[in-house]
Amino acid sequence: LLLICLTAGNSFGQACGNSGPTQCTASGTLTRPGLSP
């Protein structure tokens, strides 16, 4: 899908997966199958 660049730091992470519905809004503007950005 994508690259996420991280810089250094120390703390404890939370384990989570899908946190529920309606967390974002689909734009519906892509003209062909795939991903953006």
All heavy atoms as atom14 arrays in JSON, in Angstrom:
{
  "sequence": "LLLICLTAGNSFGQACGNSGPTQCTASGTLTRPGLSP",
  "atom14_mask": [
    [1, 1, 1, 1, 1, 1, 1, 1, 0, 0, 0, 0, 0, 0],
    [1, 1, 1, 1, 1, 1, 1, 1, 0, 0, 0, 0, 0, 0],
    [1, 1, 1, 1, 1, 1, 1, 1, 0, 0, 0, 0, 0, 0],
    [1, 1, 1, 1, 1, 1, 1, 1, 0, 0, 0, 0, 0, 0],
    [1, 1, 1, 1, 1, 1, 0, 0, 0, 0, 0, 0, 0, 0],
    [1, 1, 1, 1, 1, 1, 1, 1, 0, 0, 0, 0, 0, 0],
    [1, 1, 1, 1, 1, 1, 1, 0, 0, 0, 0, 0, 0, 0],
    [1, 1, 1, 1, 1, 0, 0, 0, 0, 0, 0, 0, 0, 0],
    [1, 1, 1, 1, 0, 0, 0, 0, 0, 0, 0, 0, 0, 0],
    [1, 1, 1, 1, 1, 1, 1, 1, 0, 0, 0, 0, 0, 0],
    [1, 1, 1, 1, 1, 1, 0, 0, 0, 0, 0, 0, 0, 0],
    [1, 1, 1, 1, 1, 1, 1, 1, 1, 1, 1, 0, 0, 0],
    [1, 1, 1, 1, 0, 0, 0, 0, 0, 0, 0, 0, 0, 0],
    [1, 1, 1, 1, 1, 1, 1, 1, 1, 0, 0, 0, 0, 0],
    [1, 1, 1, 1, 1, 0, 0, 0, 0, 0, 0, 0, 0, 0],
    [1, 1, 1, 1, 1, 1, 0, 0, 0, 0, 0, 0, 0, 0],
    [1, 1, 1, 1, 0, 0, 0, 0, 0, 0, 0, 0, 0, 0],
    [1, 1, 1, 1, 1, 1, 1, 1, 0, 0, 0, 0, 0, 0],
    [1, 1, 1, 1, 1, 1, 0, 0, 0, 0, 0, 0, 0, 0],
    [1, 1, 1, 1, 0, 0, 0, 0, 0, 0, 0, 0, 0, 0],
    [1, 1, 1, 1, 1, 1, 1, 0, 0, 0, 0, 0, 0, 0],
    [1, 1, 1, 1, 1, 1, 1, 0, 0, 0, 0, 0, 0, 0],
    [1, 1, 1, 1, 1, 1, 1, 1, 1, 0, 0, 0, 0, 0],
    [1, 1, 1, 1, 1, 1, 0, 0, 0, 0, 0, 0, 0, 0],
    [1, 1, 1, 1, 1, 1, 1, 0, 0, 0, 0, 0, 0, 0],
    [1, 1, 1, 1, 1, 0, 0, 0, 0, 0, 0, 0, 0, 0],
    [1, 1, 1, 1, 1, 1, 0, 0, 0, 0, 0, 0, 0, 0],
    [1, 1, 1, 1, 0, 0, 0, 0, 0, 0, 0, 0, 0, 0],
    [1, 1, 1, 1, 1, 1, 1, 0, 0, 0, 0, 0, 0, 0],
    [1, 1, 1, 1, 1, 1, 1, 1, 0, 0, 0, 0, 0, 0],
    [1, 1, 1, 1, 1, 1, 1, 0, 0, 0, 0, 0, 0, 0],
    [1, 1, 1, 1, 1, 1, 1, 1, 1, 1, 1, 0, 0, 0],
    [1, 1, 1, 1, 1, 1, 1, 0, 0, 0, 0, 0, 0, 0],
    [1, 1, 1, 1, 0, 0, 0, 0, 0, 0, 0, 0, 0, 0],
    [1, 1, 1, 1, 1, 1, 1, 1, 0, 0, 0, 0, 0, 0],
    [1, 1, 1, 1, 1, 1, 0, 0, 0, 0, 0, 0, 0, 0],
    [1, 1, 1, 1, 1, 1, 1, 0, 0, 0, 0, 0, 0, 0]
  ],
  "atom14_positions": [
    [[0.79, -1.22, 0.0], [0.0, 0.0, 0.0], [0.82, 1.27, 0.0], [0.71, 2.09, -0.88], [-0.85, 0.03, 1.27], [-2.27, -0.4, 1.14], [-3.01, -0.15, 2.42], [-2.94, 0.31, 0.01], [0.0, 0.0, 0.0], [0.0, 0.0, 0.0], [0.0, 0.0, 0.0], [0.0, 0.0, 0.0], [0.0, 0.0, 0.0], [0.0, 0.0, 0.0]],
    [[1.59, 1.48, 1.04], [2.26, 2.74, 1.21], [3.45, 2.58, 2.12], [3.62, 1.56, 2.76], [1.31, 3.78, 1.8], [0.76, 3.45, 3.18], [1.01, 4.61, 4.12], [-0.72, 3.19, 3.11], [0.0, 0.0, 0.0], [0.0, 0.0, 0.0], [0.0, 0.0, 0.0], [0.0, 0.0, 0.0], [0.0, 0.0, 0.0], [0.0, 0.0, 0.0]],
    [[4.27, 3.59, 2.18], [5.38, 3.63, 3.11], [5.05, 4.66, 4.18], [4.59, 5.75, 3.88], [6.67, 4.04, 2.4], [7.14, 3.14, 1.27], [8.38, 3.73, 0.63], [7.44, 1.76, 1.8], [0.0, 0.0, 0.0], [0.0, 0.0, 0.0], [0.0, 0.0, 0.0], [0.0, 0.0, 0.0], [0.0, 0.0, 0.0], [0.0, 0.0, 0.0]],
    [[5.3, 4.3, 5.42], [5.17, 5.26, 6.51], [6.55, 5.41, 7.1], [7.16, 4.44, 7.53], [4.16, 4.78, 7.58], [2.78, 4.67, 6.96], [4.14, 5.74, 8.75], [1.73, 4.19, 7.91], [0.0, 0.0, 0.0], [0.0, 0.0, 0.0], [0.0, 0.0, 0.0], [0.0, 0.0, 0.0], [0.0, 0.0, 0.0], [0.0, 0.0, 0.0]],
    [[7.06, 6.62, 7.12], [8.4, 6.87, 7.64], [8.31, 7.31, 9.09], [7.55, 8.2, 9.42], [9.08, 7.96, 6.83], [9.15, 7.58, 5.07], [0.0, 0.0, 0.0], [0.0, 0.0, 0.0], [0.0, 0.0, 0.0], [0.0, 0.0, 0.0], [0.0, 0.0, 0.0], [0.0, 0.0, 0.0], [0.0, 0.0, 0.0], [0.0, 0.0, 0.0]],
    [[9.08, 6.67, 9.94], [9.08, 6.98, 11.36], [10.45, 7.43, 11.81], [11.46, 6.98, 11.29], [8.68, 5.75, 12.18], [7.33, 5.13, 11.85], [7.11, 3.88, 12.66], [6.23, 6.12, 12.12], [0.0, 0.0, 0.0], [0.0, 0.0, 0.0], [0.0, 0.0, 0.0], [0.0, 0.0, 0.0], [0.0, 0.0, 0.0], [0.0, 0.0, 0.0]],
    [[10.47, 8.31, 12.82], [11.74, 8.66, 13.44], [11.8, 8.05, 14.82], [10.82, 7.52, 15.33], [11.91, 10.19, 13.53], [10.84, 10.71, 14.31], [11.88, 10.82, 12.16], [0.0, 0.0, 0.0], [0.0, 0.0, 0.0], [0.0, 0.0, 0.0], [0.0, 0.0, 0.0], [0.0, 0.0, 0.0], [0.0, 0.0, 0.0], [0.0, 0.0, 0.0]],
    [[12.98, 8.11, 15.46], [13.21, 7.4, 16.72], [12.35, 7.91, 17.85], [11.94, 9.07, 17.89], [14.68, 7.51, 17.1], [0.0, 0.0, 0.0], [0.0, 0.0, 0.0], [0.0, 0.0, 0.0], [0.0, 0.0, 0.0], [0.0, 0.0, 0.0], [0.0, 0.0, 0.0], [0.0, 0.0, 0.0], [0.0, 0.0, 0.0], [0.0, 0.0, 0.0]],
    [[12.1, 7.03, 18.8], [11.36, 7.37, 20.01], [11.09, 6.11, 20.8], [11.07, 5.02, 20.26], [0.0, 0.0, 0.0], [0.0, 0.0, 0.0], [0.0, 0.0, 0.0], [0.0, 0.0, 0.0], [0.0, 0.0, 0.0], [0.0, 0.0, 0.0], [0.0, 0.0, 0.0], [0.0, 0.0, 0.0], [0.0, 0.0, 0.0], [0.0, 0.0, 0.0]],
    [[10.92, 6.26, 22.1], [10.65, 5.1, 22.95], [9.38, 5.33, 23.73], [9.27, 6.27, 24.49], [11.8, 4.87, 23.93], [13.05, 4.43, 23.22], [12.98, 3.61, 22.32], [14.19, 4.97, 23.61], [0.0, 0.0, 0.0], [0.0, 0.0, 0.0], [0.0, 0.0, 0.0], [0.0, 0.0, 0.0], [0.0, 0.0, 0.0], [0.0, 0.0, 0.0]],
    [[8.43, 4.46, 23.55], [7.2, 4.42, 24.36], [6.52, 3.11, 24.06], [6.98, 2.32, 23.25], [6.29, 5.61, 24.05], [5.88, 5.56, 22.71], [0.0, 0.0, 0.0], [0.0, 0.0, 0.0], [0.0, 0.0, 0.0], [0.0, 0.0, 0.0], [0.0, 0.0, 0.0], [0.0, 0.0, 0.0], [0.0, 0.0, 0.0], [0.0, 0.0, 0.0]],
    [[5.43, 2.84, 24.74], [4.74, 1.57, 24.55], [3.59, 1.74, 23.57], [2.86, 2.72, 23.62], [4.21, 1.04, 25.89], [5.32, 0.7, 26.82], [5.68, 1.56, 27.84], [6.03, -0.48, 26.67], [6.73, 1.24, 28.69], [7.07, -0.8, 27.51], [7.43, 0.06, 28.53], [0.0, 0.0, 0.0], [0.0, 0.0, 0.0], [0.0, 0.0, 0.0]],
    [[3.44, 0.78, 22.68], [2.41, 0.85, 21.65], [1.12, 0.22, 22.08], [1.08, -0.58, 23.0], [0.0, 0.0, 0.0], [0.0, 0.0, 0.0], [0.0, 0.0, 0.0], [0.0, 0.0, 0.0], [0.0, 0.0, 0.0], [0.0, 0.0, 0.0], [0.0, 0.0, 0.0], [0.0, 0.0, 0.0], [0.0, 0.0, 0.0], [0.0, 0.0, 0.0]],
    [[0.06, 0.59, 21.43], [-1.23, -0.04, 21.68], [-1.49, -1.03, 20.56], [-1.15, -0.79, 19.43], [-2.33, 1.01, 21.74], [-2.43, 1.86, 20.49], [-3.48, 2.92, 20.61], [-4.16, 3.02, 21.6], [-3.64, 3.72, 19.57], [0.0, 0.0, 0.0], [0.0, 0.0, 0.0], [0.0, 0.0, 0.0], [0.0, 0.0, 0.0], [0.0, 0.0, 0.0]],
    [[-2.04, -2.16, 20.92], [-2.4, -3.15, 19.9], [-3.83, -2.89, 19.49], [-4.72, -2.83, 20.31], [-2.26, -4.55, 20.48], [0.0, 0.0, 0.0], [0.0, 0.0, 0.0], [0.0, 0.0, 0.0], [0.0, 0.0, 0.0], [0.0, 0.0, 0.0], [0.0, 0.0, 0.0], [0.0, 0.0, 0.0], [0.0, 0.0, 0.0], [0.0, 0.0, 0.0]],
    [[-4.06, -2.68, 18.2], [-5.43, -2.45, 17.75], [-5.57, -2.83, 16.29], [-4.61, -2.83, 15.55], [-5.83, -0.99, 17.95], [-4.74, 0.2, 17.21], [0.0, 0.0, 0.0], [0.0, 0.0, 0.0], [0.0, 0.0, 0.0], [0.0, 0.0, 0.0], [0.0, 0.0, 0.0], [0.0, 0.0, 0.0], [0.0, 0.0, 0.0], [0.0, 0.0, 0.0]],
    [[-6.77, -3.17, 15.92], [-7.1, -3.48, 14.54], [-8.14, -2.49, 14.09], [-8.06, -1.31, 14.41], [0.0, 0.0, 0.0], [0.0, 0.0, 0.0], [0.0, 0.0, 0.0], [0.0, 0.0, 0.0], [0.0, 0.0, 0.0], [0.0, 0.0, 0.0], [0.0, 0.0, 0.0], [0.0, 0.0, 0.0], [0.0, 0.0, 0.0], [0.0, 0.0, 0.0]],
    [[-9.15, -2.96, 13.4], [-10.2, -2.07, 12.95], [-10.98, -1.58, 14.17], [-11.55, -2.36, 14.91], [-11.13, -2.77, 11.97], [-12.07, -1.81, 11.31], [-12.24, -0.68, 11.75], [-12.69, -2.24, 10.25], [0.0, 0.0, 0.0], [0.0, 0.0, 0.0], [0.0, 0.0, 0.0], [0.0, 0.0, 0.0], [0.0, 0.0, 0.0], [0.0, 0.0, 0.0]],
    [[-11.01, -0.27, 14.35], [-11.63, 0.28, 15.55], [-13.08, 0.67, 15.35], [-13.67, 1.28, 16.21], [-10.82, 1.49, 16.02], [-10.72, 2.44, 15.0], [0.0, 0.0, 0.0], [0.0, 0.0, 0.0], [0.0, 0.0, 0.0], [0.0, 0.0, 0.0], [0.0, 0.0, 0.0], [0.0, 0.0, 0.0], [0.0, 0.0, 0.0], [0.0, 0.0, 0.0]],
    [[-13.67, 0.3, 14.21], [-15.09, 0.54, 14.06], [-15.45, 1.24, 12.76], [-14.59, 1.65, 11.99], [0.0, 0.0, 0.0], [0.0, 0.0, 0.0], [0.0, 0.0, 0.0], [0.0, 0.0, 0.0], [0.0, 0.0, 0.0], [0.0, 0.0, 0.0], [0.0, 0.0, 0.0], [0.0, 0.0, 0.0], [0.0, 0.0, 0.0], [0.0, 0.0, 0.0]],
    [[-16.75, 1.38, 12.51], [-17.23, 1.97, 11.26], [-17.12, 3.5, 11.26], [-16.88, 4.12, 12.29], [-18.69, 1.54, 11.23], [-19.06, 1.46, 12.66], [-17.83, 0.95, 13.38], [0.0, 0.0, 0.0], [0.0, 0.0, 0.0], [0.0, 0.0, 0.0], [0.0, 0.0, 0.0], [0.0, 0.0, 0.0], [0.0, 0.0, 0.0], [0.0, 0.0, 0.0]],
    [[-17.32, 4.07, 10.12], [-17.38, 5.52, 9.88], [-16.2, 6.28, 10.47], [-16.36, 7.33, 11.06], [-18.72, 6.13, 10.37], [-18.82, 5.96, 11.79], [-19.9, 5.49, 9.69], [0.0, 0.0, 0.0], [0.0, 0.0, 0.0], [0.0, 0.0, 0.0], [0.0, 0.0, 0.0], [0.0, 0.0, 0.0], [0.0, 0.0, 0.0], [0.0, 0.0, 0.0]],
    [[-15.01, 5.72, 10.33], [-13.82, 6.4, 10.81], [-13.21, 7.3, 9.75], [-12.33, 8.07, 10.03], [-12.79, 5.37, 11.29], [-13.27, 4.55, 12.46], [-13.51, 5.4, 13.69], [-12.72, 6.25, 14.04], [-14.63, 5.19, 14.34], [0.0, 0.0, 0.0], [0.0, 0.0, 0.0], [0.0, 0.0, 0.0], [0.0, 0.0, 0.0], [0.0, 0.0, 0.0]],
    [[-13.65, 7.18, 8.52], [-13.21, 8.04, 7.43], [-14.36, 8.15, 6.45], [-15.35, 7.45, 6.56], [-11.94, 7.5, 6.75], [-12.09, 5.84, 6.07], [0.0, 0.0, 0.0], [0.0, 0.0, 0.0], [0.0, 0.0, 0.0], [0.0, 0.0, 0.0], [0.0, 0.0, 0.0], [0.0, 0.0, 0.0], [0.0, 0.0, 0.0], [0.0, 0.0, 0.0]],
    [[-14.22, 9.03, 5.48], [-15.27, 9.21, 4.49], [-14.69, 8.94, 3.1], [-13.69, 9.55, 2.72], [-15.83, 10.64, 4.54], [-16.32, 10.88, 5.86], [-16.95, 10.83, 3.54], [0.0, 0.0, 0.0], [0.0, 0.0, 0.0], [0.0, 0.0, 0.0], [0.0, 0.0, 0.0], [0.0, 0.0, 0.0], [0.0, 0.0, 0.0], [0.0, 0.0, 0.0]],
    [[-15.31, 8.03, 2.37], [-14.85, 7.71, 1.01], [-15.17, 8.88, 0.09], [-16.27, 9.41, 0.11], [-15.51, 6.44, 0.51], [0.0, 0.0, 0.0], [0.0, 0.0, 0.0], [0.0, 0.0, 0.0], [0.0, 0.0, 0.0], [0.0, 0.0, 0.0], [0.0, 0.0, 0.0], [0.0, 0.0, 0.0], [0.0, 0.0, 0.0], [0.0, 0.0, 0.0]],
    [[-14.18, 9.25, -0.72], [-14.38, 10.4, -1.62], [-15.14, 10.0, -2.87], [-15.85, 10.82, -3.44], [-13.04, 11.01, -2.0], [-12.33, 10.14, -2.85], [0.0, 0.0, 0.0], [0.0, 0.0, 0.0], [0.0, 0.0, 0.0], [0.0, 0.0, 0.0], [0.0, 0.0, 0.0], [0.0, 0.0, 0.0], [0.0, 0.0, 0.0], [0.0, 0.0, 0.0]],
    [[-14.96, 8.76, -3.34], [-15.65, 8.31, -4.54], [-15.16, 8.98, -5.81], [-15.83, 8.93, -6.82], [0.0, 0.0, 0.0], [0.0, 0.0, 0.0], [0.0, 0.0, 0.0], [0.0, 0.0, 0.0], [0.0, 0.0, 0.0], [0.0, 0.0, 0.0], [0.0, 0.0, 0.0], [0.0, 0.0, 0.0], [0.0, 0.0, 0.0], [0.0, 0.0, 0.0]],
    [[-13.97, 9.61, -5.75], [-13.49, 10.35, -6.91], [-12.45, 9.6, -7.75], [-12.04, 10.12, -8.77], [-12.88, 11.69, -6.47], [-11.79, 11.43, -5.57], [-13.91, 12.58, -5.8], [0.0, 0.0, 0.0], [0.0, 0.0, 0.0], [0.0, 0.0, 0.0], [0.0, 0.0, 0.0], [0.0, 0.0, 0.0], [0.0, 0.0, 0.0], [0.0, 0.0, 0.0]],
    [[-12.03, 8.42, -7.33], [-11.05, 7.69, -8.11], [-11.73, 7.13, -9.36], [-12.8, 6.54, -9.29], [-10.43, 6.55, -7.31], [-9.63, 6.97, -6.07], [-9.1, 5.74, -5.35], [-8.49, 7.88, -6.44], [0.0, 0.0, 0.0], [0.0, 0.0, 0.0], [0.0, 0.0, 0.0], [0.0, 0.0, 0.0], [0.0, 0.0, 0.0], [0.0, 0.0, 0.0]],
    [[-11.1, 7.32, -10.51], [-11.7, 6.9, -11.77], [-11.38, 5.46, -12.13], [-12.06, 4.86, -12.95], [-11.24, 7.81, -12.92], [-9.81, 7.79, -12.96], [-11.74, 9.23, -12.7], [0.0, 0.0, 0.0], [0.0, 0.0, 0.0], [0.0, 0.0, 0.0], [0.0, 0.0, 0.0], [0.0, 0.0, 0.0], [0.0, 0.0, 0.0], [0.0, 0.0, 0.0]],
    [[-10.34, 4.89, -11.52], [-9.99, 3.5, -11.8], [-9.62, 2.8, -10.5], [-9.25, 3.45, -9.52], [-8.86, 3.42, -12.81], [-7.61, 4.07, -12.34], [-6.53, 3.98, -13.38], [-5.34, 4.61, -12.83], [-4.32, 4.99, -13.52], [-4.3, 4.8, -14.82], [-3.29, 5.55, -12.95], [0.0, 0.0, 0.0], [0.0, 0.0, 0.0], [0.0, 0.0, 0.0]],
    [[-9.7, 1.48, -10.46], [-9.38, 0.74, -9.24], [-7.95, 1.01, -8.78], [-7.03, 1.16, -9.59], [-9.56, -0.71, -9.65], [-10.52, -0.67, -10.78], [-10.2, 0.6, -11.51], [0.0, 0.0, 0.0], [0.0, 0.0, 0.0], [0.0, 0.0, 0.0], [0.0, 0.0, 0.0], [0.0, 0.0, 0.0], [0.0, 0.0, 0.0], [0.0, 0.0, 0.0]],
    [[-7.79, 1.08, -7.48], [-6.47, 1.31, -6.91], [-6.56, 2.14, -5.65], [-7.62, 2.28, -5.05], [0.0, 0.0, 0.0], [0.0, 0.0, 0.0], [0.0, 0.0, 0.0], [0.0, 0.0, 0.0], [0.0, 0.0, 0.0], [0.0, 0.0, 0.0], [0.0, 0.0, 0.0], [0.0, 0.0, 0.0], [0.0, 0.0, 0.0], [0.0, 0.0, 0.0]],
    [[-5.41, 2.7, -5.27], [-5.28, 3.43, -4.02], [-4.78, 4.85, -4.26], [-4.06, 5.12, -5.21], [-4.27, 2.72, -3.12], [-4.6, 1.26, -2.81], [-3.37, 0.54, -2.32], [-5.71, 1.19, -1.81], [0.0, 0.0, 0.0], [0.0, 0.0, 0.0], [0.0, 0.0, 0.0], [0.0, 0.0, 0.0], [0.0, 0.0, 0.0], [0.0, 0.0, 0.0]],
    [[-5.16, 5.75, -3.37], [-4.66, 7.12, -3.4], [-4.65, 7.66, -1.97], [-5.65, 7.49, -1.26], [-5.57, 7.98, -4.27], [-5.12, 9.31, -4.28], [0.0, 0.0, 0.0], [0.0, 0.0, 0.0], [0.0, 0.0, 0.0], [0.0, 0.0, 0.0], [0.0, 0.0, 0.0], [0.0, 0.0, 0.0], [0.0, 0.0, 0.0], [0.0, 0.0, 0.0]],
    [[-3.6, 8.24, -1.47], [-2.4, 8.64, -2.18], [-1.45, 7.46, -2.4], [-1.59, 6.41, -1.77], [-1.76, 9.67, -1.25], [-2.15, 9.22, 0.11], [-3.54, 8.65, -0.05], [0.0, 0.0, 0.0], [0.0, 0.0, 0.0], [0.0, 0.0, 0.0], [0.0, 0.0, 0.0], [0.0, 0.0, 0.0], [0.0, 0.0, 0.0], [0.0, 0.0, 0.0]]
  ]
}
